């Protein structure tokens, strides 16, 4: 009987293996994202490289649009863009959707331009799913599984224009740390 229970436990646990977890500690609160390396292997590898190097520590959420998304991971408190690694290929045609609390890579109009910046959808953004809006879509690679109240707080922050940048939070929202907490 013990062998059967142990076997069932091992089988069950192998069915529920989660992707890597990354915990963000921010000035607005903490949240955790679960990544999906099966559906977005290059994107997850890229993101984890930035996390493990400490790149995100001291960056900010620099673009916040309630009823759309919150974007961070590329700028310092004084709105200086951090140097990044080369861009990665777009993995938007992976079946993952830009749903509320999903995390996706930010990019320019060039589909293969994503580097370090990411955004968290604060509503279902079907207009960002492959192939919309430009024939390419935006690559989702995970979702917030803990601390959604932090994301809800961030999305409601008051924003302003700062130089050439729009939708910049008036009160800085600092990413104090991003840490892999599970594999």
Protein backbone atom coordinates (compact mmCIF):
# COMPACT_ATOMS: atom_id res chain seq x y z
CA UNK A 1 0.00 0.00 0.00
CA UNK A 2 2.84 2.41 0.87
CA UNK A 3 4.50 1.68 -2.48
CA UNK A 4 1.24 2.37 -4.30
CA UNK A 5 0.76 5.68 -2.47
CA UNK A 6 4.36 6.68 -3.14
CA UNK A 7 3.95 5.80 -6.81
CA UNK A 8 0.74 7.80 -7.05
CA UNK A 9 2.36 10.76 -5.32
CA UNK A 10 5.29 10.72 -7.74
CA UNK A 11 2.93 10.42 -10.72
CA UNK A 12 0.71 13.23 -9.46
CA UNK A 13 3.64 15.54 -8.72
CA UNK A 14 5.06 14.98 -12.20
CA UNK A 15 1.74 16.09 -13.67
CA UNK A 16 1.74 19.33 -11.73
CA UNK A 17 5.30 20.50 -12.37
CA UNK A 18 5.25 24.27 -12.59
CA UNK A 19 7.52 26.43 -14.68
CA UNK A 20 10.17 28.60 -13.05
CA UNK A 21 8.87 31.16 -10.55
CA UNK A 22 10.24 34.69 -10.32
CA UNK A 23 9.43 36.91 -7.35
CA UNK A 24 9.43 40.66 -7.83
CA UNK A 25 9.79 42.93 -4.82
CA UNK A 26 8.66 46.45 -5.68
CA UNK A 27 7.97 49.71 -3.90
CA UNK A 28 4.26 49.01 -4.55
CA UNK A 29 4.32 45.45 -3.15
CA UNK A 30 5.43 42.02 -4.28
CA UNK A 31 4.24 39.66 -6.98
CA UNK A 32 5.30 36.31 -8.43
CA UNK A 33 5.22 35.18 -12.04
CA UNK A 34 5.23 31.61 -13.30
CA UNK A 35 7.08 31.22 -16.59
CA UNK A 36 6.22 28.82 -19.42
CA UNK A 37 9.46 27.50 -20.96
CA UNK A 38 7.56 24.83 -22.89
CA UNK A 39 5.63 27.39 -24.95
CA UNK A 40 8.22 30.21 -25.02
CA UNK A 41 11.67 28.65 -24.49
CA UNK A 42 13.84 31.43 -25.94
CA UNK A 43 11.83 34.16 -24.24
CA UNK A 44 11.96 32.44 -20.85
CA UNK A 45 15.70 31.76 -21.20
CA UNK A 46 16.27 35.44 -22.07
CA UNK A 47 14.12 36.70 -19.19
CA UNK A 48 15.76 34.37 -16.66
CA UNK A 49 19.18 35.56 -17.84
CA UNK A 50 18.23 39.13 -16.97
CA UNK A 51 16.73 38.04 -13.63
CA UNK A 52 19.78 35.98 -12.62
CA UNK A 53 22.19 38.78 -13.57
CA UNK A 54 20.34 41.27 -11.34
CA UNK A 55 19.48 43.45 -14.36
CA UNK A 56 15.95 44.25 -13.17
CA UNK A 57 17.04 45.32 -9.68
CA UNK A 58 16.71 49.11 -9.53
CA UNK A 59 14.63 49.42 -12.71
CA UNK A 60 11.14 50.90 -12.69
CA UNK A 61 7.70 50.49 -14.11
CA UNK A 62 8.08 53.35 -16.58
CA UNK A 63 4.83 53.03 -18.55
CA UNK A 64 1.48 52.46 -16.86
CA UNK A 65 -1.83 52.53 -18.70
CA UNK A 66 -4.85 51.45 -16.66
CA UNK A 67 -7.18 49.19 -18.65
CA UNK A 68 -4.22 48.10 -20.81
CA UNK A 69 -0.87 47.16 -19.25
CA UNK A 70 2.03 48.06 -16.93
CA UNK A 71 5.52 48.03 -18.48
CA UNK A 72 8.92 47.85 -16.85
CA UNK A 73 12.37 46.36 -16.84
CA UNK A 74 14.34 48.77 -18.98
CA UNK A 75 14.76 52.14 -17.29
CA UNK A 76 16.38 53.46 -14.12
CA UNK A 77 14.66 55.91 -11.74
CA UNK A 78 16.03 58.85 -13.74
CA UNK A 79 14.56 57.44 -16.99
CA UNK A 80 17.90 56.28 -18.36
CA UNK A 81 17.58 53.19 -20.53
CA UNK A 82 19.85 50.35 -19.44
CA UNK A 83 22.04 48.61 -22.04
CA UNK A 84 20.73 45.17 -22.97
CA UNK A 85 21.76 41.94 -24.63
CA UNK A 86 20.92 41.45 -28.32
CA UNK A 87 17.22 41.07 -29.20
CA UNK A 88 15.55 37.67 -29.30
CA UNK A 89 13.29 36.10 -31.94
CA UNK A 90 9.57 36.64 -31.42
CA UNK A 91 7.66 33.67 -29.95
CA UNK A 92 4.14 35.09 -30.13
CA UNK A 93 2.67 32.18 -32.12
CA UNK A 94 2.89 29.86 -29.11
CA UNK A 95 -0.77 29.54 -28.12
CA UNK A 96 -0.44 31.73 -25.01
CA UNK A 97 -2.78 34.71 -24.90
CA UNK A 98 -2.45 38.29 -23.63
CA UNK A 99 -4.95 37.73 -20.83
CA UNK A 100 -5.29 39.69 -17.60
CA UNK A 101 -2.15 39.20 -15.46
CA UNK A 102 -0.16 37.50 -18.24
CA UNK A 103 3.41 38.70 -18.77
CA UNK A 104 4.70 39.40 -22.27
CA UNK A 105 7.76 40.91 -23.91
CA UNK A 106 7.72 44.53 -24.99
CA UNK A 107 9.17 45.25 -28.42
CA UNK A 108 9.36 47.92 -31.11
CA UNK A 109 7.61 47.70 -34.48
CA UNK A 110 10.34 45.20 -35.43
CA UNK A 111 8.89 41.83 -34.37
CA UNK A 112 12.32 40.46 -33.38
CA UNK A 113 13.35 43.41 -31.18
CA UNK A 114 12.46 42.26 -27.63
CA UNK A 115 15.32 42.50 -25.15
CA UNK A 116 14.66 43.12 -21.42
CA UNK A 117 11.44 45.14 -21.16
CA UNK A 118 8.27 43.27 -20.29
CA UNK A 119 4.67 44.17 -19.63
CA UNK A 120 1.88 42.70 -17.57
CA UNK A 121 -1.58 42.84 -19.09
CA UNK A 122 -4.13 44.37 -16.71
CA UNK A 123 -7.10 43.35 -18.89
CA UNK A 124 -7.60 40.73 -21.60
CA UNK A 125 -5.75 42.27 -24.57
CA UNK A 126 -6.85 40.00 -27.42
CA UNK A 127 -5.70 42.71 -29.84
CA UNK A 128 -2.08 41.84 -28.87
CA UNK A 129 -2.40 38.10 -29.56
CA UNK A 130 -0.73 36.57 -32.60
CA UNK A 131 -1.13 37.71 -35.38
CA UNK A 132 -2.57 41.07 -34.32
CA UNK A 133 -2.09 44.01 -34.32
CA UNK A 134 0.67 43.99 -36.95
CA UNK A 135 0.84 40.44 -38.26
CA UNK A 136 3.13 39.37 -35.42
CA UNK A 137 1.53 39.87 -31.99
CA UNK A 138 3.30 40.05 -28.62
CA UNK A 139 4.95 37.03 -26.97
CA UNK A 140 3.33 35.93 -23.72
CA UNK A 141 5.67 33.77 -21.63
CA UNK A 142 3.98 33.42 -18.25
CA UNK A 143 1.52 34.89 -15.78
CA UNK A 144 1.25 36.46 -12.36
CA UNK A 145 0.26 33.72 -9.91
CA UNK A 146 0.62 35.65 -6.65
CA UNK A 147 0.36 39.34 -5.78
CA UNK A 148 -2.24 40.40 -8.33
CA UNK A 149 -3.25 43.09 -5.82
CA UNK A 150 0.18 44.66 -6.41
CA UNK A 151 -0.44 44.76 -10.16
CA UNK A 152 -3.88 46.25 -9.48
CA UNK A 153 -2.24 48.94 -7.33
CA UNK A 154 0.37 49.73 -10.00
CA UNK A 155 -2.21 50.02 -12.78
CA UNK A 156 -4.11 52.69 -10.80
CA UNK A 157 -1.09 54.95 -10.26
CA UNK A 158 -1.26 58.54 -11.48
CA UNK A 159 0.90 59.12 -14.55
CA UNK A 160 2.35 62.09 -16.41
CA UNK A 161 4.51 63.02 -19.36
CA UNK A 162 8.23 63.13 -18.61
CA UNK A 163 10.23 64.53 -21.53
CA UNK A 164 9.52 62.32 -24.54
CA UNK A 165 7.90 59.63 -22.37
CA UNK A 166 4.17 59.34 -21.71
CA UNK A 167 2.29 57.40 -19.04
CA UNK A 168 5.19 57.64 -16.55
CA UNK A 169 4.12 57.15 -12.92
CA UNK A 170 4.29 60.39 -10.91
CA UNK A 171 5.37 58.33 -7.88
CA UNK A 172 8.27 56.06 -8.92
CA UNK A 173 7.45 52.35 -8.82
CA UNK A 174 10.81 50.72 -8.23
CA UNK A 175 11.64 47.08 -8.88
CA UNK A 176 13.82 46.46 -5.85
CA UNK A 177 14.62 42.88 -6.84
CA UNK A 178 13.64 40.05 -9.16
CA UNK A 179 14.67 36.60 -7.97
CA UNK A 180 14.18 33.06 -9.20
CA UNK A 181 12.48 31.27 -6.31
CA UNK A 182 11.69 27.92 -7.95
CA UNK A 183 12.74 25.91 -10.96
